[in-house]
Amino acid sequence: MNKKKTIVILLATLLVIVVVLIIILPKNKKEIFTNNTISTYEPEFMNNNEKTSFGLIEDSNIQVLKRGDGGAVEVYKIIREESDIVYDIEAANKLIDPRY
């Protein structure tokens, strides 16, 4: 009889824990997903004055990847094909391991 009571108490405790977790976890998931904001990145391209200041051809398509505090271009990429355009600026800002 003692073993049966122990088993019943353990099962009841396990059931209570599962019910509490079911109630708590969905609330946390909602907070996690509602706090994330999706930002879209629009590619920016150099104007003709910026191209000439770098000695680049005015007809070339140059994407600005990073600007300095004063708005000056710090990092740019020459776009030769449509597939060269960077749409994920966060991936472009990550450090690249020089071993690869």
PDB file of N, CA and C in Angstrom:
ATOM      1  N   MET A   1       0.821  -1.187   0.000  1.00  0.00           N
ATOM      2  CA  MET A   1       0.000   0.000   0.000  1.00  0.00           C
ATOM      3  C   MET A   1       0.872   1.260   0.000  1.00  0.00           C
ATOM      4  N   ASN A   2       1.984   1.204   0.666  1.00  0.00           N
ATOM      5  CA  ASN A   2       2.888   2.340   0.728  1.00  0.00           C
ATOM      6  C   ASN A   2       3.447   2.682  -0.651  1.00  0.00           C
ATOM      7  N   LYS A   3       3.785   1.667  -1.428  1.00  0.00           N
ATOM      8  CA  LYS A   3       4.337   1.892  -2.767  1.00  0.00           C
ATOM      9  C   LYS A   3       3.288   2.535  -3.671  1.00  0.00           C
ATOM     10  N   LYS A   4       2.046   2.119  -3.532  1.00  0.00           N
ATOM     11  CA  LYS A   4       0.985   2.696  -4.362  1.00  0.00           C
ATOM     12  C   LYS A   4       0.795   4.180  -4.041  1.00  0.00           C
ATOM     13  N   LYS A   5       0.820   4.548  -2.759  1.00  0.00           N
ATOM     14  CA  LYS A   5       0.675   5.948  -2.370  1.00  0.00           C
ATOM     15  C   LYS A   5       1.836   6.778  -2.910  1.00  0.00           C
ATOM     16  N   THR A   6       3.024   6.233  -2.834  1.00  0.00           N
ATOM     17  CA  THR A   6       4.215   6.930  -3.320  1.00  0.00           C
ATOM     18  C   THR A   6       4.110   7.176  -4.826  1.00  0.00           C
ATOM     19  N   ILE A   7       3.688   6.154  -5.551  1.00  0.00           N
ATOM     20  CA  ILE A   7       3.547   6.275  -7.006  1.00  0.00           C
ATOM     21  C   ILE A   7       2.472   7.298  -7.352  1.00  0.00           C
ATOM     22  N   VAL A   8       1.354   7.278  -6.650  1.00  0.00           N
ATOM     23  CA  VAL A   8       0.268   8.223  -6.894  1.00  0.00           C
ATOM     24  C   VAL A   8       0.727   9.647  -6.586  1.00  0.00           C
ATOM     25  N   ILE A   9       1.447   9.852  -5.517  1.00  0.00           N
ATOM     26  CA  ILE A   9       1.948  11.178  -5.147  1.00  0.00           C
ATOM     27  C   ILE A   9       2.947  11.676  -6.194  1.00  0.00           C
ATOM     28  N   LEU A  10       3.843  10.803  -6.654  1.00  0.00           N
ATOM     29  CA  LEU A  10       4.816  11.184  -7.682  1.00  0.00           C
ATOM     30  C   LEU A  10       4.116  11.543  -8.993  1.00  0.00           C
ATOM     31  N   LEU A  11       3.131  10.770  -9.384  1.00  0.00           N
ATOM     32  CA  LEU A  11       2.403  11.064 -10.615  1.00  0.00           C
ATOM     33  C   LEU A  11       1.621  12.375 -10.498  1.00  0.00           C
ATOM     34  N   ALA A  12       1.006  12.611  -9.344  1.00  0.00           N
ATOM     35  CA  ALA A  12       0.266  13.849  -9.129  1.00  0.00           C
ATOM     36  C   ALA A  12       1.218  15.050  -9.168  1.00  0.00           C
ATOM     37  N   THR A  13       2.380  14.909  -8.551  1.00  0.00           N
ATOM     38  CA  THR A  13       3.378  15.977  -8.559  1.00  0.00           C
ATOM     39  C   THR A  13       3.861  16.248  -9.981  1.00  0.00           C
ATOM     40  N   LEU A  14       4.126  15.210 -10.723  1.00  0.00           N
ATOM     41  CA  LEU A  14       4.563  15.342 -12.113  1.00  0.00           C
ATOM     42  C   LEU A  14       3.480  16.021 -12.952  1.00  0.00           C
ATOM     43  N   LEU A  15       2.240  15.652 -12.722  1.00  0.00           N
ATOM     44  CA  LEU A  15       1.128  16.267 -13.451  1.00  0.00           C
ATOM     45  C   LEU A  15       1.012  17.759 -13.133  1.00  0.00           C
ATOM     46  N   VAL A  16       1.174  18.127 -11.881  1.00  0.00           N
ATOM     47  CA  VAL A  16       1.114  19.536 -11.486  1.00  0.00           C
ATOM     48  C   VAL A  16       2.255  20.311 -12.135  1.00  0.00           C
ATOM     49  N   ILE A  17       3.449  19.738 -12.170  1.00  0.00           N
ATOM     50  CA  ILE A  17       4.598  20.400 -12.791  1.00  0.00           C
ATOM     51  C   ILE A  17       4.349  20.614 -14.278  1.00  0.00           C
ATOM     52  N   VAL A  18       3.817  19.614 -14.945  1.00  0.00           N
ATOM     53  CA  VAL A  18       3.541  19.724 -16.378  1.00  0.00           C
ATOM     54  C   VAL A  18       2.489  20.803 -16.638  1.00  0.00           C
ATOM     55  N   VAL A  19       1.447  20.841 -15.834  1.00  0.00           N
ATOM     56  CA  VAL A  19       0.396  21.845 -16.014  1.00  0.00           C
ATOM     57  C   VAL A  19       0.959  23.248 -15.794  1.00  0.00           C
ATOM     58  N   VAL A  20       1.779  23.417 -14.783  1.00  0.00           N
ATOM     59  CA  VAL A  20       2.377  24.733 -14.511  1.00  0.00           C
ATOM     60  C   VAL A  20       3.276  25.148 -15.672  1.00  0.00           C
ATOM     61  N   LEU A  21       4.061  24.230 -16.203  1.00  0.00           N
ATOM     62  CA  LEU A  21       4.933  24.554 -17.338  1.00  0.00           C
ATOM     63  C   LEU A  21       4.117  24.909 -18.579  1.00  0.00           C
ATOM     64  N   ILE A  22       3.038  24.229 -18.794  1.00  0.00           N
ATOM     65  CA  ILE A  22       2.186  24.523 -19.947  1.00  0.00           C
ATOM     66  C   ILE A  22       1.593  25.926 -19.820  1.00  0.00           C
ATOM     67  N   ILE A  23       1.264  26.327 -18.622  1.00  0.00           N
ATOM     68  CA  ILE A  23       0.693  27.656 -18.408  1.00  0.00           C
ATOM     69  C   ILE A  23       1.752  28.745 -18.536  1.00  0.00           C
ATOM     70  N   ILE A  24       2.946  28.511 -18.015  1.00  0.00           N
ATOM     71  CA  ILE A  24       4.004  29.527 -17.972  1.00  0.00           C
ATOM     72  C   ILE A  24       4.702  29.703 -19.320  1.00  0.00           C
ATOM     73  N   LEU A  25       5.062  28.624 -20.004  1.00  0.00           N
ATOM     74  CA  LEU A  25       5.877  28.723 -21.218  1.00  0.00           C
ATOM     75  C   LEU A  25       5.217  29.502 -22.355  1.00  0.00           C
ATOM     76  N   PRO A  26       3.952  29.332 -22.655  1.00  0.00           N
ATOM     77  CA  PRO A  26       3.392  30.142 -23.751  1.00  0.00           C
ATOM     78  C   PRO A  26       3.441  31.638 -23.473  1.00  0.00           C
ATOM     79  N   LYS A  27       3.313  32.057 -22.233  1.00  0.00           N
ATOM     80  CA  LYS A  27       3.404  33.484 -21.911  1.00  0.00           C
ATOM     81  C   LYS A  27       4.793  34.008 -22.222  1.00  0.00           C
ATOM     82  N   ASN A  28       5.824  33.254 -21.890  1.00  0.00           N
ATOM     83  CA  ASN A  28       7.197  33.676 -22.168  1.00  0.00           C
ATOM     84  C   ASN A  28       7.465  33.728 -23.664  1.00  0.00           C
ATOM     85  N   LYS A  29       6.919  32.776 -24.413  1.00  0.00           N
ATOM     86  CA  LYS A  29       7.135  32.770 -25.857  1.00  0.00           C
ATOM     87  C   LYS A  29       6.520  34.006 -26.492  1.00  0.00           C
ATOM     88  N   LYS A  30       5.356  34.417 -26.049  1.00  0.00           N
ATOM     89  CA  LYS A  30       4.716  35.598 -26.606  1.00  0.00           C
ATOM     90  C   LYS A  30       5.567  36.836 -26.360  1.00  0.00           C
ATOM     91  N   GLU A  31       6.145  36.934 -25.185  1.00  0.00           N
ATOM     92  CA  GLU A  31       6.992  38.093 -24.880  1.00  0.00           C
ATOM     93  C   GLU A  31       8.224  38.113 -25.763  1.00  0.00           C
ATOM     94  N   ILE A  32       8.782  36.954 -26.000  1.00  0.00           N
ATOM     95  CA  ILE A  32       9.988  36.880 -26.823  1.00  0.00           C
ATOM     96  C   ILE A  32       9.684  37.334 -28.242  1.00  0.00           C
ATOM     97  N   PHE A  33       8.584  36.856 -28.813  1.00  0.00           N
ATOM     98  CA  PHE A  33       8.281  37.177 -30.198  1.00  0.00           C
ATOM     99  C   PHE A  33       7.722  38.585 -30.379  1.00  0.00           C
ATOM    100  N   THR A  34       7.062  39.117 -29.374  1.00  0.00           N
ATOM    101  CA  THR A  34       6.524  40.466 -29.530  1.00  0.00           C
ATOM    102  C   THR A  34       7.601  41.529 -29.336  1.00  0.00           C
ATOM    103  N   ASN A  35       8.701  41.201 -28.650  1.00  0.00           N
ATOM    104  CA  ASN A  35       9.764  42.176 -28.438  1.00  0.00           C
ATOM    105  C   ASN A  35      10.686  42.302 -29.646  1.00  0.00           C
ATOM    106  N   ASN A  36      10.683  41.313 -30.541  1.00  0.00           N
ATOM    107  CA  ASN A  36      11.536  41.375 -31.727  1.00  0.00           C
ATOM    108  C   ASN A  36      10.916  42.306 -32.758  1.00  0.00           C
ATOM    109  N   THR A  37      11.721  43.185 -33.296  1.00  0.00           N
ATOM    110  CA  THR A  37      11.247  44.050 -34.361  1.00  0.00           C
ATOM    111  C   THR A  37      12.030  43.727 -35.622  1.00  0.00           C
ATOM    112  N   ILE A  38      11.343  43.708 -36.709  1.00  0.00           N
ATOM    113  CA  ILE A  38      11.980  43.404 -37.981  1.00  0.00           C
ATOM    114  C   ILE A  38      12.270  44.723 -38.678  1.00  0.00           C
ATOM    115  N   SER A  39      13.535  44.934 -38.960  1.00  0.00           N
ATOM    116  CA  SER A  39      13.902  46.158 -39.663  1.00  0.00           C
ATOM    117  C   SER A  39      14.342  45.791 -41.076  1.00  0.00           C
ATOM    118  N   THR A  40      13.949  46.592 -42.016  1.00  0.00           N
ATOM    119  CA  THR A  40      14.321  46.327 -43.396  1.00  0.00           C
ATOM    120  C   THR A  40      15.452  47.264 -43.784  1.00  0.00           C
ATOM    121  N   TYR A  41      16.349  46.754 -44.568  1.00  0.00           N
ATOM    122  CA  TYR A  41      17.502  47.528 -45.027  1.00  0.00           C
ATOM    123  C   TYR A  41      17.314  47.826 -46.507  1.00  0.00           C
ATOM    124  N   GLU A  42      17.352  49.073 -46.840  1.00  0.00           N
ATOM    125  CA  GLU A  42      17.279  49.492 -48.236  1.00  0.00           C
ATOM    126  C   GLU A  42      18.690  49.816 -48.707  1.00  0.00           C
ATOM    127  N   PRO A  43      19.174  49.174 -49.761  1.00  0.00           N
ATOM    128  CA  PRO A  43      20.517  49.475 -50.260  1.00  0.00           C
ATOM    129  C   PRO A  43      20.631  50.942 -50.672  1.00  0.00           C
ATOM    130  N   GLU A  44      21.761  51.542 -50.333  1.00  0.00           N
ATOM    131  CA  GLU A  44      22.023  52.942 -50.656  1.00  0.00           C
ATOM    132  C   GLU A  44      23.177  53.001 -51.648  1.00  0.00           C
ATOM    133  N   PHE A  45      23.062  53.852 -52.626  1.00  0.00           N
ATOM    134  CA  PHE A  45      24.086  53.955 -53.656  1.00  0.00           C
ATOM    135  C   PHE A  45      24.696  55.358 -53.664  1.00  0.00           C
ATOM    136  N   MET A  46      25.953  55.428 -54.099  1.00  0.00           N
ATOM    137  CA  MET A  46      26.670  56.707 -54.143  1.00  0.00           C
ATOM    138  C   MET A  46      26.064  57.625 -55.192  1.00  0.00           C
ATOM    139  N   ASN A  47      26.096  58.918 -54.893  1.00  0.00           N
ATOM    140  CA  ASN A  47      25.713  59.889 -55.924  1.00  0.00           C
ATOM    141  C   ASN A  47      26.969  60.242 -56.733  1.00  0.00           C
ATOM    142  N   ASN A  48      26.790  61.008 -57.796  1.00  0.00           N
ATOM    143  CA  ASN A  48      27.909  61.307 -58.698  1.00  0.00           C
ATOM    144  C   ASN A  48      29.022  62.101 -58.014  1.00  0.00           C
ATOM    145  N   ASN A  49      28.689  62.995 -57.095  1.00  0.00           N
ATOM    146  CA  ASN A  49      29.725  63.766 -56.396  1.00  0.00           C
ATOM    147  C   ASN A  49      30.605  62.842 -55.554  1.00  0.00           C
ATOM    148  N   GLU A  50      29.992  61.889 -54.886  1.00  0.00           N
ATOM    149  CA  GLU A  50      30.766  60.943 -54.067  1.00  0.00           C
ATOM    150  C   GLU A  50      31.656  60.068 -54.949  1.00  0.00           C
ATOM    151  N   LYS A  51      31.138  59.666 -56.086  1.00  0.00           N
ATOM    152  CA  LYS A  51      31.933  58.828 -56.995  1.00  0.00           C
ATOM    153  C   LYS A  51      33.161  59.580 -57.488  1.00  0.00           C
ATOM    154  N   THR A  52      32.982  60.838 -57.874  1.00  0.00           N
ATOM    155  CA  THR A  52      34.136  61.600 -58.377  1.00  0.00           C
ATOM    156  C   THR A  52      35.143  61.882 -57.266  1.00  0.00           C
ATOM    157  N   SER A  53      34.674  62.036 -56.023  1.00  0.00           N
ATOM    158  CA  SER A  53      35.618  62.277 -54.932  1.00  0.00           C
ATOM    159  C   SER A  53      36.495  61.054 -54.668  1.00  0.00           C
ATOM    160  N   PHE A  54      36.002  59.878 -55.005  1.00  0.00           N
ATOM    161  CA  PHE A  54      36.806  58.664 -54.862  1.00  0.00           C
ATOM    162  C   PHE A  54      37.532  58.310 -56.157  1.00  0.00           C
ATOM    163  N   GLY A  55      37.324  59.086 -57.197  1.00  0.00           N
ATOM    164  CA  GLY A  55      37.972  58.821 -58.478  1.00  0.00           C
ATOM    165  C   GLY A  55      37.325  57.672 -59.225  1.00  0.00           C
ATOM    166  N   LEU A  56      36.041  57.471 -59.008  1.00  0.00           N
ATOM    167  CA  LEU A  56      35.312  56.387 -59.664  1.00  0.00           C
ATOM    168  C   LEU A  56      34.538  56.942 -60.861  1.00  0.00           C
ATOM    169  N   ILE A  57      34.244  56.089 -61.798  1.00  0.00           N
ATOM    170  CA  ILE A  57      33.479  56.482 -62.984  1.00  0.00           C
ATOM    171  C   ILE A  57      32.040  56.780 -62.568  1.00  0.00           C
ATOM    172  N   GLU A  58      31.506  57.881 -63.098  1.00  0.00           N
ATOM    173  CA  GLU A  58      30.153  58.295 -62.704  1.00  0.00           C
ATOM    174  C   GLU A  58      29.081  57.311 -63.145  1.00  0.00           C
ATOM    175  N   ASP A  59      29.317  56.568 -64.208  1.00  0.00           N
ATOM    176  CA  ASP A  59      28.321  55.610 -64.702  1.00  0.00           C
ATOM    177  C   ASP A  59      28.302  54.320 -63.899  1.00  0.00           C
ATOM    178  N   SER A  60      29.279  54.114 -63.037  1.00  0.00           N
ATOM    179  CA  SER A  60      29.343  52.861 -62.270  1.00  0.00           C
ATOM    180  C   SER A  60      28.291  52.845 -61.167  1.00  0.00           C
ATOM    181  N   ASN A  61      27.927  51.655 -60.772  1.00  0.00           N
ATOM    182  CA  ASN A  61      26.916  51.447 -59.735  1.00  0.00           C
ATOM    183  C   ASN A  61      27.661  51.075 -58.459  1.00  0.00           C
ATOM    184  N   ILE A  62      27.693  51.964 -57.468  1.00  0.00           N
ATOM    185  CA  ILE A  62      28.455  51.772 -56.246  1.00  0.00           C
ATOM    186  C   ILE A  62      27.504  51.796 -55.054  1.00  0.00           C
ATOM    187  N   GLN A  63      27.521  50.725 -54.268  1.00  0.00           N
ATOM    188  CA  GLN A  63      26.668  50.655 -53.081  1.00  0.00           C
ATOM    189  C   GLN A  63      27.446  51.120 -51.856  1.00  0.00           C
ATOM    190  N   VAL A  64      26.814  51.962 -51.050  1.00  0.00           N
ATOM    191  CA  VAL A  64      27.410  52.429 -49.801  1.00  0.00           C
ATOM    192  C   VAL A  64      27.048  51.427 -48.708  1.00  0.00           C
ATOM    193  N   LEU A  65      28.061  50.853 -48.064  1.00  0.00           N
ATOM    194  CA  LEU A  65      27.821  49.897 -46.989  1.00  0.00           C
ATOM    195  C   LEU A  65      27.937  50.539 -45.613  1.00  0.00           C
ATOM    196  N   LYS A  66      28.765  51.594 -45.504  1.00  0.00           N
ATOM    197  CA  LYS A  66      28.933  52.242 -44.204  1.00  0.00           C
ATOM    198  C   LYS A  66      29.297  53.696 -44.401  1.00  0.00           C
ATOM    199  N   ARG A  67      28.675  54.538 -43.580  1.00  0.00           N
ATOM    200  CA  ARG A  67      28.994  55.966 -43.589  1.00  0.00           C
ATOM    201  C   ARG A  67      29.565  56.352 -42.230  1.00  0.00           C
ATOM    202  N   GLY A  68      30.413  57.372 -42.217  1.00  0.00           N
ATOM    203  CA  GLY A  68      31.002  57.868 -40.982  1.00  0.00           C
ATOM    204  C   GLY A  68      30.053  58.804 -40.259  1.00  0.00           C
ATOM    205  N   ASP A  69      30.553  59.389 -39.195  1.00  0.00           N
ATOM    206  CA  ASP A  69      29.737  60.298 -38.379  1.00  0.00           C
ATOM    207  C   ASP A  69      29.259  61.512 -39.176  1.00  0.00           C
ATOM    208  N   GLY A  70      30.086  62.037 -40.027  1.00  0.00           N
ATOM    209  CA  GLY A  70      29.717  63.212 -40.814  1.00  0.00           C
ATOM    210  C   GLY A  70      28.942  62.877 -42.071  1.00  0.00           C
ATOM    211  N   GLY A  71      28.664  61.617 -42.307  1.00  0.00           N
ATOM    212  CA  GLY A  71      27.936  61.203 -43.504  1.00  0.00           C
ATOM    213  C   GLY A  71      28.836  60.825 -44.661  1.00  0.00           C
ATOM    214  N   ALA A  72      30.153  60.861 -44.427  1.00  0.00           N
ATOM    215  CA  ALA A  72      31.086  60.501 -45.488  1.00  0.00           C
ATOM    216  C   ALA A  72      31.112  58.985 -45.664  1.00  0.00           C
ATOM    217  N   VAL A  73      31.304  58.568 -46.905  1.00  0.00           N
ATOM    218  CA  VAL A  73      31.350  57.142 -47.217  1.00  0.00           C
ATOM    219  C   VAL A  73      32.634  56.539 -46.644  1.00  0.00           C
ATOM    220  N   GLU A  74      32.491  55.478 -45.870  1.00  0.00           N
ATOM    221  CA  GLU A  74      33.660  54.777 -45.325  1.00  0.00           C
ATOM    222  C   GLU A  74      33.881  53.435 -46.016  1.00  0.00           C
ATOM    223  N   VAL A  75      32.790  52.740 -46.314  1.00  0.00           N
ATOM    224  CA  VAL A  75      32.896  51.429 -46.962  1.00  0.00           C
ATOM    225  C   VAL A  75      31.914  51.401 -48.124  1.00  0.00           C
ATOM    226  N   TYR A  76      32.405  50.980 -49.281  1.00  0.00           N
ATOM    227  CA  TYR A  76      31.530  50.869 -50.435  1.00  0.00           C
ATOM    228  C   TYR A  76      31.835  49.587 -51.198  1.00  0.00           C
ATOM    229  N   LYS A  77      30.927  49.236 -52.086  1.00  0.00           N
ATOM    230  CA  LYS A  77      31.097  48.032 -52.889  1.00  0.00           C
ATOM    231  C   LYS A  77      30.711  48.352 -54.328  1.00  0.00           C
ATOM    232  N   ILE A  78      31.564  47.940 -55.245  1.00  0.00           N
ATOM    233  CA  ILE A  78      31.277  48.131 -56.664  1.00  0.00           C
ATOM    234  C   ILE A  78      30.311  47.032 -57.097  1.00  0.00           C
ATOM    235  N   ILE A  79      29.211  47.436 -57.692  1.00  0.00           N
ATOM    236  CA  ILE A  79      28.184  46.494 -58.116  1.00  0.00           C
ATOM    237  C   ILE A  79      28.329  46.276 -59.621  1.00  0.00           C
ATOM    238  N   ARG A  80      28.695  45.074 -59.980  1.00  0.00           N
ATOM    239  CA  ARG A  80      28.836  44.729 -61.396  1.00  0.00           C
ATOM    240  C   ARG A  80      27.612  43.980 -61.909  1.00  0.00           C
ATOM    241  N   GLU A  81      26.999  43.199 -61.021  1.00  0.00           N
ATOM    242  CA  GLU A  81      25.791  42.443 -61.363  1.00  0.00           C
ATOM    243  C   GLU A  81      24.760  42.662 -60.270  1.00  0.00           C
ATOM    244  N   GLU A  82      23.525  42.373 -60.571  1.00  0.00           N
ATOM    245  CA  GLU A  82      22.436  42.543 -59.597  1.00  0.00           C
ATOM    246  C   GLU A  82      22.673  41.679 -58.356  1.00  0.00           C
ATOM    247  N   SER A  83      23.298  40.535 -58.517  1.00  0.00           N
ATOM    248  CA  SER A  83      23.545  39.634 -57.385  1.00  0.00           C
ATOM    249  C   SER A  83      24.625  40.159 -56.440  1.00  0.00           C
ATOM    250  N   ASP A  84      25.369  41.183 -56.848  1.00  0.00           N
ATOM    251  CA  ASP A  84      26.409  41.768 -55.993  1.00  0.00           C
ATOM    252  C   ASP A  84      25.842  42.687 -54.908  1.00  0.00           C
ATOM    253  N   ILE A  85      24.595  43.100 -55.045  1.00  0.00           N
ATOM    254  CA  ILE A  85      24.002  44.029 -54.089  1.00  0.00           C
ATOM    255  C   ILE A  85      23.830  43.341 -52.734  1.00  0.00           C
ATOM    256  N   VAL A  86      24.246  44.020 -51.679  1.00  0.00           N
ATOM    257  CA  VAL A  86      24.144  43.497 -50.315  1.00  0.00           C
ATOM    258  C   VAL A  86      22.793  43.910 -49.742  1.00  0.00           C
ATOM    259  N   TYR A  87      21.994  42.918 -49.357  1.00  0.00           N
ATOM    260  CA  TYR A  87      20.697  43.199 -48.747  1.00  0.00           C
ATOM    261  C   TYR A  87      20.698  42.916 -47.251  1.00  0.00           C
ATOM    262  N   ASP A  88      21.629  42.097 -46.800  1.00  0.00           N
ATOM    263  CA  ASP A  88      21.737  41.777 -45.377  1.00  0.00           C
ATOM    264  C   ASP A  88      22.942  42.516 -44.811  1.00  0.00           C
ATOM    265  N   ILE A  89      22.718  43.730 -44.345  1.00  0.00           N
ATOM    266  CA  ILE A  89      23.818  44.573 -43.884  1.00  0.00           C
ATOM    267  C   ILE A  89      24.437  44.019 -42.605  1.00  0.00           C
ATOM    268  N   GLU A  90      23.662  43.322 -41.784  1.00  0.00           N
ATOM    269  CA  GLU A  90      24.207  42.728 -40.561  1.00  0.00           C
ATOM    270  C   GLU A  90      25.240  41.667 -40.900  1.00  0.00           C
ATOM    271  N   ALA A  91      24.979  40.867 -41.914  1.00  0.00           N
ATOM    272  CA  ALA A  91      25.941  39.847 -42.327  1.00  0.00           C
ATOM    273  C   ALA A  91      27.190  40.503 -42.902  1.00  0.00           C
ATOM    274  N   ALA A  92      27.025  41.624 -43.577  1.00  0.00           N
ATOM    275  CA  ALA A  92      28.180  42.319 -44.148  1.00  0.00           C
ATOM    276  C   ALA A  92      29.054  42.928 -43.069  1.00  0.00           C
ATOM    277  N   ASN A  93      28.479  43.279 -41.928  1.00  0.00           N
ATOM    278  CA  ASN A  93      29.241  43.895 -40.851  1.00  0.00           C
ATOM    279  C   ASN A  93      29.970  42.889 -39.970  1.00  0.00           C
ATOM    280  N   LYS A  94      29.653  41.609 -40.099  1.00  0.00           N
ATOM    281  CA  LYS A  94      30.323  40.595 -39.270  1.00  0.00           C
ATOM    282  C   LYS A  94      31.761  40.419 -39.727  1.00  0.00           C
ATOM    283  N   LEU A  95      32.612  40.136 -38.772  1.00  0.00           N
ATOM    284  CA  LEU A  95      34.019  39.914 -39.091  1.00  0.00           C
ATOM    285  C   LEU A  95      34.177  38.606 -39.854  1.00  0.00           C
ATOM    286  N   ILE A  96      35.052  38.621 -40.814  1.00  0.00           N
ATOM    287  CA  ILE A  96      35.336  37.421 -41.605  1.00  0.00           C
ATOM    288  C   ILE A  96      36.617  36.806 -41.081  1.00  0.00           C
ATOM    289  N   ASP A  97      36.578  35.506 -40.865  1.00  0.00           N
ATOM    290  CA  ASP A  97      37.747  34.783 -40.376  1.00  0.00           C
ATOM    291  C   ASP A  97      38.774  34.723 -41.514  1.00  0.00           C
ATOM    292  N   PRO A  98      39.951  35.277 -41.336  1.00  0.00           N
ATOM    293  CA  PRO A  98      40.932  35.330 -42.425  1.00  0.00           C
ATOM    294  C   PRO A  98      41.488  33.963 -42.807  1.00  0.00           C
ATOM    295  N   ARG A  99      41.227  32.950 -42.010  1.00  0.00           N
ATOM    296  CA  ARG A  99      41.747  31.616 -42.333  1.00  0.00           C
ATOM    297  C   ARG A  99      40.964  30.973 -43.466  1.00  0.00           C
ATOM    298  N   TYR A 100      39.824  31.517 -43.827  1.00  0.00           N
ATOM    299  CA  TYR A 100      38.997  30.887 -44.866  1.00  0.00           C
ATOM    300  C   TYR A 100      38.915  31.746 -46.091  1.00  0.00           C
TER     301      TYR A 100
END
